[in-house]
Amino acid sequence: MIPTYEEIMLPFLKYLEDGKDHELNETHDALAKQFGLTDEELRERLPSGTQPVFRNRVGWARTYLKKAGLVTSPKRAHFQITERGKKLLQENPEKITAQFLTRYDEFVEFKSIRREKDGGPVTPPEIDPDKTPEEALEYAYQKLKNDLIKEVLEIVKSCSPTFFEKLVIDVIVAMGYGGSRKDAGQAVGKSGDGGIDGIIKEDKLGLDTIYLQAKRWENPVPIKEIRDFTGALASKNSKKGIFITTSSFPKSVYEFVDRVEYKIILIDGERLADLMLEYNVGLSTVNTYQVKKIDTDYFEEENSLI
């Protein structure tokens, strides 16, 4: 199991106990070995996929120790224990937590949040102590996204066949297919059974065509529908197709699609709602939060000027 950033702090400090200058990657690898992490655990990433979870937690453990004055950085991505850090280890603490570090004024100042208007302190919101602030933000975002996808899907399932046709066209065009919206709208015909079928352009120039079928269903799509869709591709002399449903596809459908010579893309309800979010179809942005970090390359210039 991947240790929390708090579980990493004491081993991190002990690794620097020799007083030598240690490089971050070297420390990361040593800690990974100490915790007995597998390759799979080391590859596990944050929800955004931007960084491995363990590396993120090592980074925050380092940051907290540094803000408490237990660790110093003699140069970029290198760390040494301070005299304060050595004294702490002499106390032989069982563990180091964020709460434990509040004994140091510098850390309390680092953790405090100020109001923009009057500068008065406010109490920070409670977060999962097992997660770094960056992790907490990403998991909170992922939860909001998942809840929104469920809500969007429920609305899509309840809309009329005509509006569902419009919605699918809007998604396809937003993704860059179907040519113009007018072209896509003319190419997609009504089937009269709550679904839509048609031929759309693969690009704006119409260099190739894609056969489209979409169904507003509750139950999983039976494999017979996909076999019929394959036959429709053959009759249209097309090798590419997109099958969209508001429900889901059983494993047998995915296995069948992998075996046939046609390139068939399956979009289930959750994926459809996710694409609506990604391309802002039927949704709007309420707030945008930018997460920034220090540009170390910029401050490297300071050293070159000395």
C-alpha atoms as a PDB file:
ATOM      1  CA  MET A   1       0.000   0.000   0.000  1.00  0.00           C
ATOM      2  CA  ILE A   2       1.255   3.490  -0.845  1.00  0.00           C
ATOM      3  CA  PRO A   3       2.071   5.358   2.399  1.00  0.00           C
ATOM      4  CA  THR A   4       0.463   8.715   3.156  1.00  0.00           C
ATOM      5  CA  TYR A   5       2.559  11.863   3.040  1.00  0.00           C
ATOM      6  CA  GLU A   6       2.498  11.919   6.870  1.00  0.00           C
ATOM      7  CA  GLU A   7       3.815   8.350   7.021  1.00  0.00           C
ATOM      8  CA  ILE A   8       6.630   9.420   4.706  1.00  0.00           C
ATOM      9  CA  MET A   9       7.823  12.417   6.745  1.00  0.00           C
ATOM     10  CA  LEU A  10       9.723  10.589   9.510  1.00  0.00           C
ATOM     11  CA  PRO A  11      11.491   8.116   7.162  1.00  0.00           C
ATOM     12  CA  PHE A  12      12.324  11.081   4.877  1.00  0.00           C
ATOM     13  CA  LEU A  13      13.942  12.964   7.751  1.00  0.00           C
ATOM     14  CA  LYS A  14      15.785   9.865   8.965  1.00  0.00           C
ATOM     15  CA  TYR A  15      17.185   9.309   5.477  1.00  0.00           C
ATOM     16  CA  LEU A  16      18.813  12.742   5.721  1.00  0.00           C
ATOM     17  CA  GLU A  17      20.132  12.021   9.217  1.00  0.00           C
ATOM     18  CA  ASP A  18      23.718  11.632   7.964  1.00  0.00           C
ATOM     19  CA  GLY A  19      23.807  15.362   7.262  1.00  0.00           C
ATOM     20  CA  LYS A  20      24.854  14.880   3.647  1.00  0.00           C
ATOM     21  CA  ASP A  21      23.378  16.561   0.589  1.00  0.00           C
ATOM     22  CA  HIS A  22      20.781  14.177  -0.915  1.00  0.00           C
ATOM     23  CA  GLU A  23      19.148  14.522  -4.350  1.00  0.00           C
ATOM     24  CA  LEU A  24      15.341  14.256  -4.567  1.00  0.00           C
ATOM     25  CA  ASN A  25      15.207  11.332  -7.016  1.00  0.00           C
ATOM     26  CA  GLU A  26      17.736   9.429  -4.923  1.00  0.00           C
ATOM     27  CA  THR A  27      15.614  10.038  -1.806  1.00  0.00           C
ATOM     28  CA  HIS A  28      12.457   9.019  -3.649  1.00  0.00           C
ATOM     29  CA  ASP A  29      13.978   5.716  -4.767  1.00  0.00           C
ATOM     30  CA  ALA A  30      15.393   4.972  -1.308  1.00  0.00           C
ATOM     31  CA  LEU A  31      12.022   5.588   0.335  1.00  0.00           C
ATOM     32  CA  ALA A  32      10.216   3.487  -2.259  1.00  0.00           C
ATOM     33  CA  LYS A  33      12.574   0.613  -1.462  1.00  0.00           C
ATOM     34  CA  GLN A  34      12.145   1.142   2.285  1.00  0.00           C
ATOM     35  CA  PHE A  35       8.348   0.960   1.999  1.00  0.00           C
ATOM     36  CA  GLY A  36       8.605  -2.077  -0.294  1.00  0.00           C
ATOM     37  CA  LEU A  37       6.501  -0.521  -3.043  1.00  0.00           C
ATOM     38  CA  THR A  38       5.834  -2.555  -6.168  1.00  0.00           C
ATOM     39  CA  ASP A  39       6.308  -1.267  -9.715  1.00  0.00           C
ATOM     40  CA  GLU A  40       2.520  -1.120 -10.049  1.00  0.00           C
ATOM     41  CA  GLU A  41       2.208   1.034  -6.918  1.00  0.00           C
ATOM     42  CA  LEU A  42       4.968   3.338  -8.155  1.00  0.00           C
ATOM     43  CA  ARG A  43       3.124   3.751 -11.469  1.00  0.00           C
ATOM     44  CA  GLU A  44      -0.205   4.622  -9.824  1.00  0.00           C
ATOM     45  CA  ARG A  45      -1.083   8.204 -10.742  1.00  0.00           C
ATOM     46  CA  LEU A  46      -3.257  11.013  -9.471  1.00  0.00           C
ATOM     47  CA  PRO A  47      -6.755  11.247 -11.034  1.00  0.00           C
ATOM     48  CA  SER A  48      -5.460  13.815 -13.542  1.00  0.00           C
ATOM     49  CA  GLY A  49      -2.668  11.451 -14.583  1.00  0.00           C
ATOM     50  CA  THR A  50      -0.111  14.238 -14.231  1.00  0.00           C
ATOM     51  CA  GLN A  51       2.076  12.688 -11.546  1.00  0.00           C
ATOM     52  CA  PRO A  52       2.620   9.384  -9.701  1.00  0.00           C
ATOM     53  CA  VAL A  53       0.869   9.317  -6.304  1.00  0.00           C
ATOM     54  CA  PHE A  54       3.979   8.281  -4.355  1.00  0.00           C
ATOM     55  CA  ARG A  55       6.173  10.968  -5.934  1.00  0.00           C
ATOM     56  CA  ASN A  56       3.507  13.564  -5.146  1.00  0.00           C
ATOM     57  CA  ARG A  57       3.372  12.455  -1.525  1.00  0.00           C
ATOM     58  CA  VAL A  58       7.158  12.459  -1.190  1.00  0.00           C
ATOM     59  CA  GLY A  59       7.132  15.996  -2.563  1.00  0.00           C
ATOM     60  CA  TRP A  60       4.590  17.185  -0.009  1.00  0.00           C
ATOM     61  CA  ALA A  61       6.398  15.416   2.844  1.00  0.00           C
ATOM     62  CA  ARG A  62       9.535  17.299   1.800  1.00  0.00           C
ATOM     63  CA  THR A  63       7.623  20.587   1.599  1.00  0.00           C
ATOM     64  CA  TYR A  64       6.142  20.218   5.083  1.00  0.00           C
ATOM     65  CA  LEU A  65       9.512  19.289   6.609  1.00  0.00           C
ATOM     66  CA  LYS A  66      11.137  22.236   4.877  1.00  0.00           C
ATOM     67  CA  LYS A  67       8.443  24.691   5.998  1.00  0.00           C
ATOM     68  CA  ALA A  68       8.932  23.465   9.578  1.00  0.00           C
ATOM     69  CA  GLY A  69      12.645  24.217   9.328  1.00  0.00           C
ATOM     70  CA  LEU A  70      13.671  20.564   9.649  1.00  0.00           C
ATOM     71  CA  VAL A  71      15.079  20.344   6.128  1.00  0.00           C
ATOM     72  CA  THR A  72      16.871  22.843   3.922  1.00  0.00           C
ATOM     73  CA  SER A  73      17.601  22.993   0.182  1.00  0.00           C
ATOM     74  CA  PRO A  74      21.241  23.898  -0.545  1.00  0.00           C
ATOM     75  CA  LYS A  75      20.457  23.815  -4.252  1.00  0.00           C
ATOM     76  CA  ARG A  76      17.664  22.830  -6.615  1.00  0.00           C
ATOM     77  CA  ALA A  77      16.154  19.368  -5.886  1.00  0.00           C
ATOM     78  CA  HIS A  78      18.774  18.673  -3.167  1.00  0.00           C
ATOM     79  CA  PHE A  79      18.089  18.473   0.558  1.00  0.00           C
ATOM     80  CA  GLN A  80      19.895  18.349   3.885  1.00  0.00           C
ATOM     81  CA  ILE A  81      18.732  17.957   7.449  1.00  0.00           C
ATOM     82  CA  THR A  82      19.006  21.070   9.636  1.00  0.00           C
ATOM     83  CA  GLU A  83      20.154  21.286  13.265  1.00  0.00           C
ATOM     84  CA  ARG A  84      16.481  21.537  14.230  1.00  0.00           C
ATOM     85  CA  GLY A  85      15.825  18.334  12.303  1.00  0.00           C
ATOM     86  CA  LYS A  86      18.678  16.534  14.075  1.00  0.00           C
ATOM     87  CA  LYS A  87      17.365  17.653  17.473  1.00  0.00           C
ATOM     88  CA  LEU A  88      13.928  16.334  16.600  1.00  0.00           C
ATOM     89  CA  LEU A  89      15.324  12.915  15.681  1.00  0.00           C
ATOM     90  CA  GLN A  90      17.121  12.835  19.047  1.00  0.00           C
ATOM     91  CA  GLU A  91      13.669  12.937  20.626  1.00  0.00           C
ATOM     92  CA  ASN A  92      12.981   9.633  18.842  1.00  0.00           C
ATOM     93  CA  PRO A  93       9.412  10.537  17.764  1.00  0.00           C
ATOM     94  CA  GLU A  94       7.131   7.662  16.786  1.00  0.00           C
ATOM     95  CA  LYS A  95       5.821   9.606  13.803  1.00  0.00           C
ATOM     96  CA  ILE A  96       5.656  13.083  12.305  1.00  0.00           C
ATOM     97  CA  THR A  97       2.281  14.497  11.299  1.00  0.00           C
ATOM     98  CA  ALA A  98       1.066  17.889  10.145  1.00  0.00           C
ATOM     99  CA  GLN A  99      -0.403  18.405  13.613  1.00  0.00           C
ATOM    100  CA  PHE A 100       2.945  17.513  15.182  1.00  0.00           C
ATOM    101  CA  LEU A 101       4.683  20.171  13.069  1.00  0.00           C
ATOM    102  CA  THR A 102       2.478  22.932  14.510  1.00  0.00           C
ATOM    103  CA  ARG A 103       5.045  23.140  17.341  1.00  0.00           C
ATOM    104  CA  TYR A 104       7.075  25.223  14.883  1.00  0.00           C
ATOM    105  CA  ASP A 105       5.927  28.818  14.274  1.00  0.00           C
ATOM    106  CA  GLU A 106       7.184  28.787  10.670  1.00  0.00           C
ATOM    107  CA  PHE A 107       4.951  25.825   9.869  1.00  0.00           C
ATOM    108  CA  VAL A 108       1.913  27.413  11.526  1.00  0.00           C
ATOM    109  CA  GLU A 109       2.470  30.533   9.440  1.00  0.00           C
ATOM    110  CA  PHE A 110       2.786  28.424   6.298  1.00  0.00           C
ATOM    111  CA  LYS A 111      -0.485  26.605   7.012  1.00  0.00           C
ATOM    112  CA  SER A 112      -2.485  29.709   7.929  1.00  0.00           C
ATOM    113  CA  ILE A 113      -4.977  31.146   5.416  1.00  0.00           C
ATOM    114  CA  ARG A 114      -5.572  34.890   5.226  1.00  0.00           C
ATOM    115  CA  ARG A 115      -8.683  36.760   4.155  1.00  0.00           C
ATOM    116  CA  GLU A 116      -8.063  38.925   1.124  1.00  0.00           C
ATOM    117  CA  LYS A 117      -9.857  41.981   2.507  1.00  0.00           C
ATOM    118  CA  ASP A 118      -8.949  42.354   6.173  1.00  0.00           C
ATOM    119  CA  GLY A 119      -6.009  39.976   6.481  1.00  0.00           C
ATOM    120  CA  GLY A 120      -7.613  38.169   9.398  1.00  0.00           C
ATOM    121  CA  PRO A 121      -6.978  34.442   9.837  1.00  0.00           C
ATOM    122  CA  VAL A 122      -9.624  31.922   8.839  1.00  0.00           C
ATOM    123  CA  THR A 123      -9.882  28.249   9.615  1.00  0.00           C
ATOM    124  CA  PRO A 124      -8.929  26.048   6.656  1.00  0.00           C
ATOM    125  CA  PRO A 125     -11.452  23.401   5.586  1.00  0.00           C
ATOM    126  CA  GLU A 126     -10.957  19.873   6.876  1.00  0.00           C
ATOM    127  CA  ILE A 127      -9.404  17.518   4.328  1.00  0.00           C
ATOM    128  CA  ASP A 128      -8.519  13.850   4.340  1.00  0.00           C
ATOM    129  CA  PRO A 129      -5.238  13.680   6.307  1.00  0.00           C
ATOM    130  CA  ASP A 130      -4.110  10.752   4.160  1.00  0.00           C
ATOM    131  CA  LYS A 131      -4.094  12.921   1.044  1.00  0.00           C
ATOM    132  CA  THR A 132      -1.841  15.775   0.067  1.00  0.00           C
ATOM    133  CA  PRO A 133      -3.569  19.120  -0.673  1.00  0.00           C
ATOM    134  CA  GLU A 134      -3.048  18.480  -4.378  1.00  0.00           C
ATOM    135  CA  GLU A 135      -4.571  14.996  -4.103  1.00  0.00           C
ATOM    136  CA  ALA A 136      -7.532  16.313  -2.109  1.00  0.00           C
ATOM    137  CA  LEU A 137      -8.211  18.905  -4.804  1.00  0.00           C
ATOM    138  CA  GLU A 138      -7.988  16.351  -7.612  1.00  0.00           C
ATOM    139  CA  TYR A 139     -10.213  13.797  -5.879  1.00  0.00           C
ATOM    140  CA  ALA A 140     -12.760  16.496  -5.025  1.00  0.00           C
ATOM    141  CA  TYR A 141     -12.779  17.550  -8.684  1.00  0.00           C
ATOM    142  CA  GLN A 142     -13.183  13.919  -9.771  1.00  0.00           C
ATOM    143  CA  LYS A 143     -16.148  13.454  -7.416  1.00  0.00           C
ATOM    144  CA  LEU A 144     -17.837  16.593  -8.747  1.00  0.00           C
ATOM    145  CA  LYS A 145     -17.237  15.366 -12.291  1.00  0.00           C
ATOM    146  CA  ASN A 146     -18.610  11.875 -11.603  1.00  0.00           C
ATOM    147  CA  ASP A 147     -21.723  13.292  -9.920  1.00  0.00           C
ATOM    148  CA  LEU A 148     -22.257  15.653 -12.846  1.00  0.00           C
ATOM    149  CA  ILE A 149     -21.886  12.820 -15.374  1.00  0.00           C
ATOM    150  CA  LYS A 150     -24.619  10.854 -13.580  1.00  0.00           C
ATOM    151  CA  GLU A 151     -26.900  13.898 -13.556  1.00  0.00           C
ATOM    152  CA  VAL A 152     -26.259  14.667 -17.238  1.00  0.00           C
ATOM    153  CA  LEU A 153     -26.951  11.068 -18.223  1.00  0.00           C
ATOM    154  CA  GLU A 154     -30.292  11.055 -16.408  1.00  0.00           C
ATOM    155  CA  ILE A 155     -31.330  14.202 -18.272  1.00  0.00           C
ATOM    156  CA  VAL A 156     -30.218  12.760 -21.630  1.00  0.00           C
ATOM    157  CA  LYS A 157     -32.249   9.604 -21.038  1.00  0.00           C
ATOM    158  CA  SER A 158     -35.371  11.647 -20.379  1.00  0.00           C
ATOM    159  CA  CYS A 159     -35.107  13.975 -23.386  1.00  0.00           C
ATOM    160  CA  SER A 160     -37.204  13.542 -26.535  1.00  0.00           C
ATOM    161  CA  PRO A 161     -35.956  11.583 -29.591  1.00  0.00           C
ATOM    162  CA  THR A 162     -35.727  14.834 -31.579  1.00  0.00           C
ATOM    163  CA  PHE A 163     -33.640  16.561 -28.921  1.00  0.00           C
ATOM    164  CA  PHE A 164     -31.463  13.456 -28.508  1.00  0.00           C
ATOM    165  CA  GLU A 165     -30.736  13.603 -32.241  1.00  0.00           C
ATOM    166  CA  LYS A 166     -29.684  17.258 -31.879  1.00  0.00           C
ATOM    167  CA  LEU A 167     -27.528  16.441 -28.853  1.00  0.00           C
ATOM    168  CA  VAL A 168     -25.632  13.652 -30.620  1.00  0.00           C
ATOM    169  CA  ILE A 169     -25.044  15.849 -33.669  1.00  0.00           C
ATOM    170  CA  ASP A 170     -23.712  18.636 -31.429  1.00  0.00           C
ATOM    171  CA  VAL A 171     -21.289  16.235 -29.723  1.00  0.00           C
ATOM    172  CA  ILE A 172     -20.077  14.769 -33.018  1.00  0.00           C
ATOM    173  CA  VAL A 173     -19.517  18.214 -34.555  1.00  0.00           C
ATOM    174  CA  ALA A 174     -17.805  19.499 -31.384  1.00  0.00           C
ATOM    175  CA  MET A 175     -15.367  16.596 -31.679  1.00  0.00           C
ATOM    176  CA  GLY A 176     -14.499  17.662 -35.222  1.00  0.00           C
ATOM    177  CA  TYR A 177     -16.588  15.133 -37.174  1.00  0.00           C
ATOM    178  CA  GLY A 178     -19.601  15.588 -39.423  1.00  0.00           C
ATOM    179  CA  GLY A 179     -18.335  18.658 -41.261  1.00  0.00           C
ATOM    180  CA  SER A 180     -20.520  21.641 -40.366  1.00  0.00           C
ATOM    181  CA  ARG A 181     -23.519  21.269 -38.102  1.00  0.00           C
ATOM    182  CA  LYS A 182     -25.759  21.759 -41.113  1.00  0.00           C
ATOM    183  CA  ASP A 183     -23.959  18.966 -42.976  1.00  0.00           C
ATOM    184  CA  ALA A 184     -24.212  16.636 -39.981  1.00  0.00           C
ATOM    185  CA  GLY A 185     -27.864  17.467 -39.444  1.00  0.00           C
ATOM    186  CA  GLN A 186     -28.721  16.652 -43.059  1.00  0.00           C
ATOM    187  CA  ALA A 187     -26.682  13.462 -43.031  1.00  0.00           C
ATOM    188  CA  VAL A 188     -28.385  12.029 -39.950  1.00  0.00           C
ATOM    189  CA  GLY A 189     -31.886  10.749 -40.573  1.00  0.00           C
ATOM    190  CA  LYS A 190     -34.696  10.029 -38.143  1.00  0.00           C
ATOM    191  CA  SER A 191     -35.396   6.387 -37.454  1.00  0.00           C
ATOM    192  CA  GLY A 192     -38.604   7.012 -35.508  1.00  0.00           C
ATOM    193  CA  ASP A 193     -37.727   4.605 -32.704  1.00  0.00           C
ATOM    194  CA  GLY A 194     -35.901   6.959 -30.339  1.00  0.00           C
ATOM    195  CA  GLY A 195     -32.552   6.424 -32.024  1.00  0.00           C
ATOM    196  CA  ILE A 196     -30.795   7.976 -35.013  1.00  0.00           C
ATOM    197  CA  ASP A 197     -28.864   6.502 -37.920  1.00  0.00           C
ATOM    198  CA  GLY A 198     -26.885   8.072 -40.693  1.00  0.00           C
ATOM    199  CA  ILE A 199     -23.672   8.753 -42.566  1.00  0.00           C
ATOM    200  CA  ILE A 200     -21.470  11.611 -41.414  1.00  0.00           C
ATOM    201  CA  LYS A 201     -18.215  13.076 -42.692  1.00  0.00           C
ATOM    202  CA  GLU A 202     -15.019  12.027 -40.945  1.00  0.00           C
ATOM    203  CA  ASP A 203     -13.649  15.545 -41.484  1.00  0.00           C
ATOM    204  CA  LYS A 204     -14.850  18.882 -42.826  1.00  0.00           C
ATOM    205  CA  LEU A 205     -13.708  18.018 -46.356  1.00  0.00           C
ATOM    206  CA  GLY A 206     -15.557  14.729 -46.360  1.00  0.00           C
ATOM    207  CA  LEU A 207     -12.504  12.636 -47.311  1.00  0.00           C
ATOM    208  CA  ASP A 208     -14.130   9.645 -45.631  1.00  0.00           C
ATOM    209  CA  THR A 209     -17.477   8.801 -44.088  1.00  0.00           C
ATOM    210  CA  ILE A 210     -18.521   7.227 -40.813  1.00  0.00           C
ATOM    211  CA  TYR A 211     -21.743   5.339 -40.191  1.00  0.00           C
ATOM    212  CA  LEU A 212     -23.494   6.411 -37.008  1.00  0.00           C
ATOM    213  CA  GLN A 213     -26.107   4.767 -34.858  1.00  0.00           C
ATOM    214  CA  ALA A 214     -27.394   6.032 -31.520  1.00  0.00           C
ATOM    215  CA  LYS A 215     -29.919   4.478 -29.159  1.00  0.00           C
ATOM    216  CA  ARG A 216     -31.604   5.843 -26.027  1.00  0.00           C
ATOM    217  CA  TRP A 217     -31.715   2.605 -24.078  1.00  0.00           C
ATOM    218  CA  GLU A 218     -31.838   1.567 -20.428  1.00  0.00           C
ATOM    219  CA  ASN A 219     -30.702  -2.038 -20.799  1.00  0.00           C
ATOM    220  CA  PRO A 220     -27.265  -3.129 -22.087  1.00  0.00           C
ATOM    221  CA  VAL A 221     -27.007  -3.237 -25.889  1.00  0.00           C
ATOM    222  CA  PRO A 222     -27.404  -6.861 -27.097  1.00  0.00           C
ATOM    223  CA  ILE A 223     -24.709  -8.225 -29.389  1.00  0.00           C
ATOM    224  CA  LYS A 224     -27.326  -8.719 -32.132  1.00  0.00           C
ATOM    225  CA  GLU A 225     -27.538  -4.921 -32.512  1.00  0.00           C
ATOM    226  CA  ILE A 226     -23.799  -4.701 -33.103  1.00  0.00           C
ATOM    227  CA  ARG A 227     -23.899  -7.551 -35.628  1.00  0.00           C
ATOM    228  CA  ASP A 228     -26.686  -5.717 -37.492  1.00  0.00           C
ATOM    229  CA  PHE A 229     -24.629  -2.541 -37.319  1.00  0.00           C
ATOM    230  CA  THR A 230     -21.678  -4.374 -38.853  1.00  0.00           C
ATOM    231  CA  GLY A 231     -23.965  -5.495 -41.667  1.00  0.00           C
ATOM    232  CA  ALA A 232     -25.089  -1.912 -42.161  1.00  0.00           C
ATOM    233  CA  LEU A 233     -21.454  -0.851 -42.496  1.00  0.00           C
ATOM    234  CA  ALA A 234     -20.951  -3.490 -45.182  1.00  0.00           C
ATOM    235  CA  SER A 235     -24.053  -2.338 -47.072  1.00  0.00           C
ATOM    236  CA  LYS A 236     -22.802   1.259 -46.988  1.00  0.00           C
ATOM    237  CA  ASN A 237     -19.339   0.183 -48.129  1.00  0.00           C
ATOM    238  CA  SER A 238     -17.881   1.778 -45.008  1.00  0.00           C
ATOM    239  CA  LYS A 239     -15.224   0.435 -42.674  1.00  0.00           C
ATOM    240  CA  LYS A 240     -15.827   2.880 -39.835  1.00  0.00           C
ATOM    241  CA  GLY A 241     -18.721   3.266 -37.446  1.00  0.00           C
ATOM    242  CA  ILE A 242     -19.745   4.840 -34.153  1.00  0.00           C
ATOM    243  CA  PHE A 243     -22.405   3.236 -31.978  1.00  0.00           C
ATOM    244  CA  ILE A 244     -23.720   5.487 -29.222  1.00  0.00           C
ATOM    245  CA  THR A 245     -26.048   4.427 -26.435  1.00  0.00           C
ATOM    246  CA  THR A 246     -27.324   5.923 -23.194  1.00  0.00           C
ATOM    247  CA  SER A 247     -26.967   2.510 -21.541  1.00  0.00           C
ATOM    248  CA  SER A 248     -23.930   0.213 -21.676  1.00  0.00           C
ATOM    249  CA  PHE A 249     -22.261  -2.592 -23.645  1.00  0.00           C
ATOM    250  CA  PRO A 250     -21.667  -6.082 -22.254  1.00  0.00           C
ATOM    251  CA  LYS A 251     -18.223  -7.683 -22.441  1.00  0.00           C
ATOM    252  CA  SER A 252     -19.337  -9.866 -25.373  1.00  0.00           C
ATOM    253  CA  VAL A 253     -19.898  -6.747 -27.500  1.00  0.00           C
ATOM    254  CA  TYR A 254     -16.378  -5.449 -26.893  1.00  0.00           C
ATOM    255  CA  GLU A 255     -14.957  -8.892 -27.721  1.00  0.00           C
ATOM    256  CA  PHE A 256     -16.980  -9.008 -30.944  1.00  0.00           C
ATOM    257  CA  VAL A 257     -15.808  -5.534 -31.999  1.00  0.00           C
ATOM    258  CA  ASP A 258     -12.183  -6.554 -31.434  1.00  0.00           C
ATOM    259  CA  ARG A 259     -12.589  -9.502 -33.802  1.00  0.00           C
ATOM    260  CA  VAL A 260     -14.256  -7.853 -36.803  1.00  0.00           C
ATOM    261  CA  GLU A 261     -12.370  -6.076 -39.587  1.00  0.00           C
ATOM    262  CA  TYR A 262     -14.406  -2.909 -39.169  1.00  0.00           C
ATOM    263  CA  LYS A 263     -13.320  -0.029 -36.925  1.00  0.00           C
ATOM    264  CA  ILE A 264     -16.283   0.388 -34.581  1.00  0.00           C
ATOM    265  CA  ILE A 265     -16.151   2.878 -31.724  1.00  0.00           C
ATOM    266  CA  LEU A 266     -18.500   2.132 -28.833  1.00  0.00           C
ATOM    267  CA  ILE A 267     -19.703   5.095 -26.762  1.00  0.00           C
ATOM    268  CA  ASP A 268     -21.791   4.142 -23.721  1.00  0.00           C
ATOM    269  CA  GLY A 269     -23.854   6.507 -21.590  1.00  0.00           C
ATOM    270  CA  GLU A 270     -21.062   7.498 -19.225  1.00  0.00           C
ATOM    271  CA  ARG A 271     -18.656   8.124 -22.097  1.00  0.00           C
ATOM    272  CA  LEU A 272     -21.293  10.211 -23.907  1.00  0.00           C
ATOM    273  CA  ALA A 273     -21.832  12.354 -20.800  1.00  0.00           C
ATOM    274  CA  ASP A 274     -18.058  12.636 -20.362  1.00  0.00           C
ATOM    275  CA  LEU A 275     -17.704  13.882 -23.954  1.00  0.00           C
ATOM    276  CA  MET A 276     -20.442  16.429 -23.300  1.00  0.00           C
ATOM    277  CA  LEU A 277     -18.387  17.709 -20.367  1.00  0.00           C
ATOM    278  CA  GLU A 278     -15.146  17.703 -22.333  1.00  0.00           C
ATOM    279  CA  TYR A 279     -16.594  19.608 -25.299  1.00  0.00           C
ATOM    280  CA  ASN A 280     -19.040  21.781 -23.307  1.00  0.00           C
ATOM    281  CA  VAL A 281     -22.193  20.456 -24.955  1.00  0.00           C
ATOM    282  CA  GLY A 282     -25.108  21.417 -22.726  1.00  0.00           C
ATOM    283  CA  LEU A 283     -22.774  22.531 -19.932  1.00  0.00           C
ATOM    284  CA  SER A 284     -21.038  25.729 -18.937  1.00  0.00           C
ATOM    285  CA  THR A 285     -18.032  26.522 -16.763  1.00  0.00           C
ATOM    286  CA  VAL A 286     -18.913  27.973 -13.355  1.00  0.00           C
ATOM    287  CA  ASN A 287     -15.458  28.461 -11.851  1.00  0.00           C
ATOM    288  CA  THR A 288     -11.864  27.923 -12.914  1.00  0.00           C
ATOM    289  CA  TYR A 289      -9.077  27.252 -10.409  1.00  0.00           C
ATOM    290  CA  GLN A 290      -5.444  27.441 -11.458  1.00  0.00           C
ATOM    291  CA  VAL A 291      -2.946  25.312  -9.529  1.00  0.00           C
ATOM    292  CA  LYS A 292       0.520  26.784  -9.838  1.00  0.00           C
ATOM    293  CA  LYS A 293       3.999  25.756  -8.743  1.00  0.00           C
ATOM    294  CA  ILE A 294       7.396  27.429  -8.534  1.00  0.00           C
ATOM    295  CA  ASP A 295       9.193  27.792 -11.864  1.00  0.00           C
ATOM    296  CA  THR A 296      12.607  26.553 -10.720  1.00  0.00           C
ATOM    297  CA  ASP A 297      14.183  27.277 -14.112  1.00  0.00           C
ATOM    298  CA  TYR A 298      13.331  30.972 -13.668  1.00  0.00           C
ATOM    299  CA  PHE A 299      15.055  31.189 -10.307  1.00  0.00           C
ATOM    300  CA  GLU A 300      18.091  29.300 -11.605  1.00  0.00           C
ATOM    301  CA  GLU A 301      18.914  32.550 -13.400  1.00  0.00           C
ATOM    302  CA  GLU A 302      19.498  34.138  -9.986  1.00  0.00           C
ATOM    303  CA  ASN A 303      22.427  31.797  -9.357  1.00  0.00           C
ATOM    304  CA  SER A 304      23.978  32.599 -12.737  1.00  0.00           C
ATOM    305  CA  LEU A 305      23.893  36.333 -11.968  1.00  0.00           C
ATOM    306  CA  ILE A 306      25.774  36.020  -8.704  1.00  0.00           C
END
